[in-house]
Amino acid sequence: MKVSVDQDRCQGHTLCAMIAPKVFQLSEIDGHSSPVSEDVPAGEESAAAEAVRSCPERAISLTDPEG
């Protein structure tokens, strides 16, 4: 599963970094949440999905490259 954040829609909240710290980090430069890595680590899928559901801007998306 791959994760991406639309930086134009992200309003800089820390929620996703709090929910899924192994998946997201908060940039010190612009205050936006960003993926730590593009690939969601094994075992972190549910935390990443919860961050997607919790994002008020709907700025996070998950894709399954295997379809």
C-alpha atoms as a PDB file:
ATOM      1  CA  MET A   1       0.000   0.000   0.000  1.00  0.00           C
ATOM      2  CA  LYS A   2       1.318   3.433  -0.921  1.00  0.00           C
ATOM      3  CA  VAL A   3       0.443   6.689   0.805  1.00  0.00           C
ATOM      4  CA  SER A   4       0.462  10.231  -0.516  1.00  0.00           C
ATOM      5  CA  VAL A   5      -0.477  13.626   0.896  1.00  0.00           C
ATOM      6  CA  ASP A   6      -1.834  16.454  -1.233  1.00  0.00           C
ATOM      7  CA  GLN A   7       0.255  19.300   0.185  1.00  0.00           C
ATOM      8  CA  ASP A   8      -2.045  21.909  -1.396  1.00  0.00           C
ATOM      9  CA  ARG A   9      -5.009  20.577   0.607  1.00  0.00           C
ATOM     10  CA  CYS A  10      -3.136  19.721   3.834  1.00  0.00           C
ATOM     11  CA  GLN A  11      -3.682  22.458   6.411  1.00  0.00           C
ATOM     12  CA  GLY A  12      -0.787  21.484   8.645  1.00  0.00           C
ATOM     13  CA  HIS A  13      -2.608  19.606  11.398  1.00  0.00           C
ATOM     14  CA  THR A  14      -0.651  17.034  13.422  1.00  0.00           C
ATOM     15  CA  LEU A  15      -3.432  14.454  13.529  1.00  0.00           C
ATOM     16  CA  CYS A  16      -2.023  11.973  11.020  1.00  0.00           C
ATOM     17  CA  ALA A  17       1.434  12.142  12.616  1.00  0.00           C
ATOM     18  CA  MET A  18      -0.210  11.352  15.960  1.00  0.00           C
ATOM     19  CA  ILE A  19      -2.334   8.475  14.635  1.00  0.00           C
ATOM     20  CA  ALA A  20       0.275   6.812  12.438  1.00  0.00           C
ATOM     21  CA  PRO A  21       3.731   8.032  13.505  1.00  0.00           C
ATOM     22  CA  LYS A  22       5.522   5.264  11.575  1.00  0.00           C
ATOM     23  CA  VAL A  23       3.742   6.334   8.410  1.00  0.00           C
ATOM     24  CA  PHE A  24       3.596  10.161   8.701  1.00  0.00           C
ATOM     25  CA  GLN A  25       5.772  12.950  10.008  1.00  0.00           C
ATOM     26  CA  LEU A  26       5.180  16.666  10.466  1.00  0.00           C
ATOM     27  CA  SER A  27       7.500  18.854   8.423  1.00  0.00           C
ATOM     28  CA  GLU A  28       9.292  21.470  10.502  1.00  0.00           C
ATOM     29  CA  ILE A  29       9.615  23.648   7.413  1.00  0.00           C
ATOM     30  CA  ASP A  30       5.994  24.049   6.345  1.00  0.00           C
ATOM     31  CA  GLY A  31       3.965  22.378   9.086  1.00  0.00           C
ATOM     32  CA  HIS A  32       2.415  19.861   6.702  1.00  0.00           C
ATOM     33  CA  SER A  33       2.050  16.188   7.406  1.00  0.00           C
ATOM     34  CA  SER A  34       4.079  14.121   4.962  1.00  0.00           C
ATOM     35  CA  PRO A  35       4.616  10.418   4.432  1.00  0.00           C
ATOM     36  CA  VAL A  36       7.730   9.109   6.173  1.00  0.00           C
ATOM     37  CA  SER A  37       8.032   6.758   3.221  1.00  0.00           C
ATOM     38  CA  GLU A  38       5.839   6.165   0.222  1.00  0.00           C
ATOM     39  CA  ASP A  39       5.259   2.519   1.161  1.00  0.00           C
ATOM     40  CA  VAL A  40       3.144   1.876   4.257  1.00  0.00           C
ATOM     41  CA  PRO A  41       5.137  -0.388   6.613  1.00  0.00           C
ATOM     42  CA  ALA A  42       3.770  -3.870   7.233  1.00  0.00           C
ATOM     43  CA  GLY A  43       1.367  -3.836  10.161  1.00  0.00           C
ATOM     44  CA  GLU A  44       0.660  -0.112   9.841  1.00  0.00           C
ATOM     45  CA  GLU A  45      -2.118  -0.378   7.272  1.00  0.00           C
ATOM     46  CA  SER A  46      -4.961   0.147   9.744  1.00  0.00           C
ATOM     47  CA  ALA A  47      -3.272   3.170  11.329  1.00  0.00           C
ATOM     48  CA  ALA A  48      -2.724   4.690   7.892  1.00  0.00           C
ATOM     49  CA  ALA A  49      -6.363   4.026   6.962  1.00  0.00           C
ATOM     50  CA  GLU A  50      -7.505   5.691  10.205  1.00  0.00           C
ATOM     51  CA  ALA A  51      -5.394   8.742   9.378  1.00  0.00           C
ATOM     52  CA  VAL A  52      -7.052   8.895   5.946  1.00  0.00           C
ATOM     53  CA  ARG A  53     -10.520   8.744   7.544  1.00  0.00           C
ATOM     54  CA  SER A  54      -9.582  11.360  10.149  1.00  0.00           C
ATOM     55  CA  CYS A  55      -8.111  13.933   7.768  1.00  0.00           C
ATOM     56  CA  PRO A  56     -10.496  16.928   7.708  1.00  0.00           C
ATOM     57  CA  GLU A  57      -9.077  18.123   4.387  1.00  0.00           C
ATOM     58  CA  ARG A  58      -9.239  14.680   2.732  1.00  0.00           C
ATOM     59  CA  ALA A  59      -5.619  15.342   1.755  1.00  0.00           C
ATOM     60  CA  ILE A  60      -4.334  11.791   2.303  1.00  0.00           C
ATOM     61  CA  SER A  61      -4.801   8.943  -0.103  1.00  0.00           C
ATOM     62  CA  LEU A  62      -3.814   5.280  -0.041  1.00  0.00           C
ATOM     63  CA  THR A  63      -3.402   3.173  -3.145  1.00  0.00           C
ATOM     64  CA  ASP A  64      -2.837  -0.517  -3.596  1.00  0.00           C
ATOM     65  CA  PRO A  65      -0.336  -0.869  -6.453  1.00  0.00           C
ATOM     66  CA  GLU A  66      -1.374  -4.499  -6.888  1.00  0.00           C
ATOM     67  CA  GLY A  67      -4.942  -3.481  -7.644  1.00  0.00           C
END
